[in-house]
């Protein structure tokens, strides 16, 4: 089903916009590795476990979701569909999934919040701390439940498809609506190579929202994150769009989860395409997964209904593979359910 939606999305989008959503950095080795890592995992199901009906409900940072599935933060949804992030939010809400709104959304958070279910906001900490603080206050007021801070982007990765296509700016009429300053001018996102752990302390000092770090791959960074009081981690390589050659997320996940030791939730993104991938992620130490490109395929192919179709199908597939593996709930998935060749 996802392959069909992907083909429909490719037909619907301008080639440069398709390449923007689909591409990765450099030679796209990490982009490919994310799916390949899940493909290498082998499941070892149990039998006669009397699971009965499964219960997929998952609670993250105080919010109950239908299943351990969230929409990953991805930019510029109005390139994919005229309703953009409004359609994504509505589709995610209908599916009972969490939605992490990108800082580079093409729709204001206030409008997104009006149709969304539970949502978090993805943030690049900006060198202008006053602007960052104002944006945090804005999303707090709109009903955001957590801040997802991307920490894997001291500079932009080199995305060669975009360079070949000359895609550097949004079409007329579109912009990053949540980057407007007090005067109404839209700012560019500024990456900050000077960012250090002190910035996380600063952010904790200005907000009571839970802070989730996105982009952690090394277990030593997971330990530091716990020490610095964050509320959650996302094992992520930015969908293969930053450091090409970085480890696949499914390969990095077990060591990060071991370092955290259950002290806070661990999520993972990158390459999730099937219920079996979600099951593998849970067995490898994740509490939930985030899904990026497939949601964009659904959005481009069918708007809110397409987004819901993607998320519903993943939840239904997870329910099926849980039954086949002899497990009743996501939290009960044991580590010995997977082996890697």
Protein backbone atom coordinates (compact mmCIF):
# COMPACT_ATOMS: atom_id res chain seq x y z
CA UNK A 1 0.00 0.00 0.00
CA UNK A 2 2.77 2.46 0.87
CA UNK A 3 4.52 1.68 -2.42
CA UNK A 4 1.33 2.57 -4.30
CA UNK A 5 0.98 5.85 -2.38
CA UNK A 6 4.62 6.62 -3.08
CA UNK A 7 4.07 6.19 -6.81
CA UNK A 8 0.97 8.38 -6.72
CA UNK A 9 2.83 11.05 -4.76
CA UNK A 10 5.68 11.08 -7.25
CA UNK A 11 3.21 11.60 -10.09
CA UNK A 12 1.47 14.41 -8.21
CA UNK A 13 4.54 16.46 -7.28
CA UNK A 14 6.84 18.73 -9.23
CA UNK A 15 10.10 16.80 -9.80
CA UNK A 16 12.16 19.26 -7.74
CA UNK A 17 9.69 19.06 -4.87
CA UNK A 18 9.66 15.25 -5.03
CA UNK A 19 13.44 15.25 -4.84
CA UNK A 20 13.37 17.64 -1.89
CA UNK A 21 11.12 15.33 0.13
CA UNK A 22 12.67 12.08 -1.01
CA UNK A 23 16.36 12.93 -1.11
CA UNK A 24 19.18 12.72 1.38
CA UNK A 25 22.65 14.14 1.84
CA UNK A 26 25.72 13.30 -0.23
CA UNK A 27 25.55 9.89 -1.90
CA UNK A 28 22.47 9.05 0.20
CA UNK A 29 24.18 6.11 1.88
CA UNK A 30 22.53 6.79 5.22
CA UNK A 31 19.17 7.32 3.55
CA UNK A 32 19.36 3.80 2.11
CA UNK A 33 20.90 2.33 5.26
CA UNK A 34 17.89 3.23 7.40
CA UNK A 35 15.58 0.87 5.50
CA UNK A 36 18.32 -1.73 5.02
CA UNK A 37 18.93 -1.92 8.77
CA UNK A 38 15.31 -2.83 9.45
CA UNK A 39 15.43 -5.35 6.60
CA UNK A 40 18.33 -7.15 8.31
CA UNK A 41 16.44 -7.66 11.56
CA UNK A 42 14.93 -11.10 12.05
CA UNK A 43 11.96 -11.72 14.33
CA UNK A 44 11.74 -14.76 16.61
CA UNK A 45 8.04 -15.10 17.49
CA UNK A 46 6.62 -16.95 20.47
CA UNK A 47 3.60 -19.27 20.15
CA UNK A 48 0.60 -20.22 22.29
CA UNK A 49 0.80 -16.96 24.18
CA UNK A 50 -2.98 -16.41 24.51
CA UNK A 51 -2.70 -12.73 23.60
CA UNK A 52 -6.38 -12.24 22.76
CA UNK A 53 -7.19 -8.77 21.39
CA UNK A 54 -4.12 -6.54 21.32
CA UNK A 55 -4.00 -3.14 22.97
CA UNK A 56 -1.77 -0.73 21.05
CA UNK A 57 -2.35 2.29 23.27
CA UNK A 58 0.85 4.05 24.27
CA UNK A 59 1.44 6.93 26.68
CA UNK A 60 4.30 9.33 25.98
CA UNK A 61 5.05 12.30 28.22
CA UNK A 62 1.58 12.14 29.68
CA UNK A 63 -0.29 11.85 26.36
CA UNK A 64 -2.09 8.68 25.32
CA UNK A 65 -1.85 7.72 21.64
CA UNK A 66 -3.74 5.02 19.76
CA UNK A 67 -0.44 3.28 18.93
CA UNK A 68 3.30 3.97 19.38
CA UNK A 69 3.36 6.02 16.19
CA UNK A 70 3.93 9.75 15.65
CA UNK A 71 4.30 11.92 12.57
CA UNK A 72 7.92 13.03 12.27
CA UNK A 73 8.68 16.73 11.73
CA UNK A 74 9.08 17.44 8.01
CA UNK A 75 9.10 20.83 6.32
CA UNK A 76 7.03 22.59 3.69
CA UNK A 77 3.86 20.48 3.57
CA UNK A 78 2.13 22.95 1.29
CA UNK A 79 4.57 21.84 -1.41
CA UNK A 80 2.93 18.43 -1.17
CA UNK A 81 -0.73 19.48 -0.90
CA UNK A 82 -2.60 22.76 -0.95
CA UNK A 83 -3.88 22.19 2.60
CA UNK A 84 -0.36 21.45 3.84
CA UNK A 85 0.08 20.98 7.57
CA UNK A 86 -3.65 21.41 8.18
CA UNK A 87 -4.27 18.19 6.26
CA UNK A 88 -1.41 16.45 8.04
CA UNK A 89 -2.71 17.52 11.44
CA UNK A 90 -6.27 16.47 10.62
CA UNK A 91 -5.15 13.10 9.27
CA UNK A 92 -2.96 12.41 12.28
CA UNK A 93 -5.76 13.38 14.68
CA UNK A 94 -8.22 11.09 12.90
CA UNK A 95 -5.71 8.23 13.20
CA UNK A 96 -5.03 8.92 16.88
CA UNK A 97 -1.35 9.59 16.19
CA UNK A 98 0.88 12.28 17.64
CA UNK A 99 2.15 15.01 15.32
CA UNK A 100 5.50 16.77 15.63
CA UNK A 101 5.12 20.08 13.79
CA UNK A 102 8.22 21.26 11.94
CA UNK A 103 9.71 24.66 12.70
CA UNK A 104 9.72 25.01 8.89
CA UNK A 105 5.96 24.48 8.58
CA UNK A 106 4.19 26.50 5.90
CA UNK A 107 1.15 26.99 8.15
CA UNK A 108 0.94 28.96 11.43
CA UNK A 109 0.91 26.83 14.57
CA UNK A 110 -2.31 28.47 15.74
CA UNK A 111 -4.14 27.18 12.65
CA UNK A 112 -2.55 23.74 13.00
CA UNK A 113 -3.53 23.55 16.65
CA UNK A 114 -7.17 24.21 15.78
CA UNK A 115 -7.44 20.90 13.90
CA UNK A 116 -4.68 18.80 15.50
CA UNK A 117 -4.77 16.13 18.13
CA UNK A 118 -1.82 16.03 20.53
CA UNK A 119 1.11 17.84 18.97
CA UNK A 120 4.72 18.68 19.74
CA UNK A 121 6.87 21.34 18.11
CA UNK A 122 10.27 20.76 16.53
CA UNK A 123 12.78 23.51 17.22
CA UNK A 124 16.21 24.53 16.00
CA UNK A 125 17.67 26.68 18.76
CA UNK A 126 18.45 29.98 17.09
CA UNK A 127 21.49 32.17 17.83
CA UNK A 128 18.99 34.95 18.56
CA UNK A 129 17.79 33.70 21.92
CA UNK A 130 15.13 36.40 22.25
CA UNK A 131 13.54 35.23 19.00
CA UNK A 132 13.76 31.61 20.15
CA UNK A 133 12.13 32.46 23.47
CA UNK A 134 9.31 34.32 21.70
CA UNK A 135 8.69 31.30 19.46
CA UNK A 136 8.60 29.00 22.48
CA UNK A 137 6.03 31.25 24.16
CA UNK A 138 4.00 31.26 20.95
CA UNK A 139 3.81 27.47 20.66
CA UNK A 140 3.11 27.14 24.40
CA UNK A 141 0.14 29.47 23.99
CA UNK A 142 -1.09 27.44 21.01
CA UNK A 143 -1.21 24.22 23.06
CA UNK A 144 2.07 22.47 22.28
CA UNK A 145 2.76 19.54 24.64
CA UNK A 146 6.52 19.12 24.15
CA UNK A 147 9.49 20.69 22.38
CA UNK A 148 11.54 18.49 20.06
CA UNK A 149 14.98 20.06 19.72
CA UNK A 150 16.97 18.99 16.65
CA UNK A 151 20.59 18.66 17.77
CA UNK A 152 22.17 17.06 14.68
CA UNK A 153 22.34 20.19 12.54
CA UNK A 154 25.26 22.51 13.37
CA UNK A 155 25.27 23.19 9.61
CA UNK A 156 23.06 22.10 6.73
CA UNK A 157 23.86 18.78 5.09
CA UNK A 158 24.67 18.92 1.38
CA UNK A 159 21.58 17.69 -0.42
CA UNK A 160 22.78 17.21 -3.95
CA UNK A 161 19.39 16.65 -5.51
CA UNK A 162 18.39 20.15 -4.42
CA UNK A 163 21.60 21.59 -5.88
CA UNK A 164 21.03 19.83 -9.20
CA UNK A 165 17.45 21.08 -9.31
CA UNK A 166 18.32 24.61 -8.22
CA UNK A 167 15.76 24.24 -5.42
CA UNK A 168 16.77 26.77 -2.78
CA UNK A 169 13.65 28.85 -2.15
CA UNK A 170 9.95 28.22 -1.67
CA UNK A 171 7.56 29.26 -4.44
CA UNK A 172 5.88 32.63 -4.20
CA UNK A 173 3.14 32.68 -1.60
CA UNK A 174 4.75 30.09 0.67
CA UNK A 175 7.03 30.71 3.63
CA UNK A 176 7.96 29.34 7.05
CA UNK A 177 5.01 30.90 8.81
CA UNK A 178 6.29 30.30 12.33
CA UNK A 179 9.51 32.19 11.69
CA UNK A 180 7.86 35.59 11.60
CA UNK A 181 9.37 38.07 14.02
CA UNK A 182 7.54 40.76 15.96
CA UNK A 183 7.53 43.00 12.90
CA UNK A 184 6.02 40.27 10.70
CA UNK A 185 9.19 39.61 8.70
CA UNK A 186 9.97 35.95 7.99
CA UNK A 187 13.42 34.90 9.17
CA UNK A 188 15.61 32.18 7.74
CA UNK A 189 16.44 29.22 9.95
CA UNK A 190 19.96 29.73 11.25
CA UNK A 191 22.02 26.66 12.11
CA UNK A 192 24.34 27.23 15.06
CA UNK A 193 27.68 25.41 15.10
CA UNK A 194 28.40 26.98 18.48
CA UNK A 195 25.54 25.13 20.16
CA UNK A 196 26.51 23.18 23.29
CA UNK A 197 24.84 21.51 26.23
CA UNK A 198 24.49 24.85 28.01
CA UNK A 199 21.81 25.75 25.47
CA UNK A 200 19.64 22.91 26.75
CA UNK A 201 19.94 24.31 30.25
CA UNK A 202 18.93 27.73 28.92
CA UNK A 203 15.86 26.24 27.23
CA UNK A 204 14.85 24.37 30.38
CA UNK A 205 15.05 27.70 32.18
CA UNK A 206 12.47 29.40 29.95
CA UNK A 207 9.84 26.67 29.54
CA UNK A 208 8.02 24.08 31.56
CA UNK A 209 7.35 21.94 28.49
CA UNK A 210 9.08 18.56 28.23
CA UNK A 211 12.21 18.74 26.06
CA UNK A 212 12.96 15.89 23.67
CA UNK A 213 16.32 15.79 21.88
CA UNK A 214 16.15 14.63 18.26
CA UNK A 215 19.28 13.42 16.50
CA UNK A 216 21.03 11.35 19.16
CA UNK A 217 23.01 8.37 17.81
CA UNK A 218 25.89 7.93 20.28
CA UNK A 219 25.25 6.31 23.69
CA UNK A 220 27.58 8.84 25.38
CA UNK A 221 25.30 11.64 24.17
CA UNK A 222 22.32 9.73 25.53
CA UNK A 223 24.01 9.65 28.95
CA UNK A 224 24.69 13.38 28.76
CA UNK A 225 21.09 14.05 27.79
CA UNK A 226 19.86 12.26 30.89
CA UNK A 227 22.32 14.25 33.02
CA UNK A 228 21.03 17.49 31.51
CA UNK A 229 17.45 16.74 32.47
CA UNK A 230 15.75 16.23 29.12
CA UNK A 231 12.46 14.34 29.00
CA UNK A 232 13.04 12.11 25.99
CA UNK A 233 15.32 11.19 23.08
CA UNK A 234 14.78 10.51 19.41
CA UNK A 235 17.35 8.27 17.78
CA UNK A 236 17.59 9.94 14.40
CA UNK A 237 19.99 10.73 11.58
CA UNK A 238 17.63 13.33 10.13
CA UNK A 239 16.30 10.84 7.60
CA UNK A 240 19.75 10.64 6.02
CA UNK A 241 19.67 14.36 5.24
CA UNK A 242 22.60 15.56 7.37
CA UNK A 243 25.79 13.48 7.82
CA UNK A 244 25.97 10.97 4.98
CA UNK A 245 27.57 7.77 6.20
CA UNK A 246 26.07 8.12 9.67
CA UNK A 247 24.92 4.92 11.32
CA UNK A 248 21.41 3.70 10.54
CA UNK A 249 18.96 4.43 13.31
CA UNK A 250 17.94 0.81 13.89
CA UNK A 251 21.63 -0.03 14.32
CA UNK A 252 22.21 2.83 16.78
CA UNK A 253 19.04 2.26 18.79
CA UNK A 254 20.07 -0.64 21.10
CA UNK A 255 23.16 1.12 22.49
CA UNK A 256 21.26 4.36 23.08
CA UNK A 257 18.40 2.53 24.78
CA UNK A 258 20.88 0.65 26.98
CA UNK A 259 22.59 3.91 27.98
CA UNK A 260 19.25 5.47 28.91
CA UNK A 261 18.25 2.42 30.92
CA UNK A 262 14.57 3.23 31.01
CA UNK A 263 15.07 6.61 32.69
CA UNK A 264 13.22 8.43 29.90
CA UNK A 265 11.39 7.48 26.70
CA UNK A 266 13.40 6.65 23.60
CA UNK A 267 11.88 7.07 20.15
CA UNK A 268 13.33 6.32 16.74
CA UNK A 269 12.74 7.48 13.17
CA UNK A 270 14.17 6.66 9.75
CA UNK A 271 13.17 3.80 7.46
CA UNK A 272 9.95 2.69 9.19
CA UNK A 273 7.72 1.26 6.47
CA UNK A 274 5.88 -1.72 8.00
CA UNK A 275 4.38 -2.95 11.23
CA UNK A 276 7.28 -5.38 11.46
CA UNK A 277 9.66 -2.42 11.48
CA UNK A 278 7.77 -0.92 14.40
CA UNK A 279 7.83 -4.26 16.21
CA UNK A 280 11.58 -4.52 15.62
CA UNK A 281 12.10 -0.97 16.92
CA UNK A 282 10.19 -1.79 20.11
CA UNK A 283 12.26 -4.93 20.64
CA UNK A 284 15.47 -2.97 20.04
CA UNK A 285 14.59 -0.54 22.83
CA UNK A 286 12.25 2.12 21.43
CA UNK A 287 9.04 3.23 23.10
CA UNK A 288 7.60 4.56 19.84
CA UNK A 289 8.49 5.41 16.25
CA UNK A 290 8.15 8.49 14.09
CA UNK A 291 7.21 8.28 10.41
CA UNK A 292 8.26 10.93 7.90
CA UNK A 293 8.33 10.26 4.18
CA UNK A 294 5.35 7.85 4.09
CA UNK A 295 3.18 10.55 5.66
CA UNK A 296 4.28 12.94 2.91
CA UNK A 297 3.39 10.32 0.30
CA UNK A 298 -0.08 10.05 1.79
CA UNK A 299 -0.40 13.83 1.99
CA UNK A 300 0.58 14.33 -1.66
CA UNK A 301 -1.63 11.48 -2.86
CA UNK A 302 -4.75 12.20 -0.85
CA UNK A 303 -4.50 15.07 1.64
CA UNK A 304 -5.82 14.40 5.13
CA UNK A 305 -7.39 11.12 4.04
CA UNK A 306 -4.05 9.97 2.63
CA UNK A 307 -2.27 10.81 5.87
CA UNK A 308 -4.85 8.91 7.87
CA UNK A 309 -4.58 5.94 5.50
CA UNK A 310 -0.81 5.73 6.07
CA UNK A 311 -1.08 5.93 9.85
CA UNK A 312 -4.07 3.60 10.09
CA UNK A 313 -2.39 1.01 7.90
CA UNK A 314 0.77 1.07 10.02
CA UNK A 315 -1.24 0.68 13.23
CA UNK A 316 -3.26 -2.18 11.74
CA UNK A 317 -0.11 -3.85 10.50
CA UNK A 318 1.48 -3.50 13.94
CA UNK A 319 -1.60 -5.09 15.52
CA UNK A 320 -1.27 -8.03 13.12
CA UNK A 321 2.43 -8.62 13.71
CA UNK A 322 2.02 -8.34 17.47
CA UNK A 323 -0.48 -11.19 17.29
CA UNK A 324 1.81 -13.22 15.06
CA UNK A 325 4.74 -12.63 17.43
CA UNK A 326 2.74 -13.61 20.51
CA UNK A 327 2.71 -10.18 22.18
CA UNK A 328 -0.34 -8.29 23.44
CA UNK A 329 0.94 -4.71 23.95
CA UNK A 330 3.82 -2.58 22.65
CA UNK A 331 5.24 -2.27 26.16
CA UNK A 332 5.42 -6.06 26.46
CA UNK A 333 7.63 -6.59 23.40
CA UNK A 334 10.73 -8.43 24.71
CA UNK A 335 14.30 -7.83 23.52
CA UNK A 336 14.71 -11.49 22.57
CA UNK A 337 12.04 -11.11 19.90
CA UNK A 338 14.73 -9.96 17.46
CA UNK A 339 18.03 -11.29 16.24
CA UNK A 340 20.37 -9.57 13.82
CA UNK A 341 22.44 -11.63 11.36
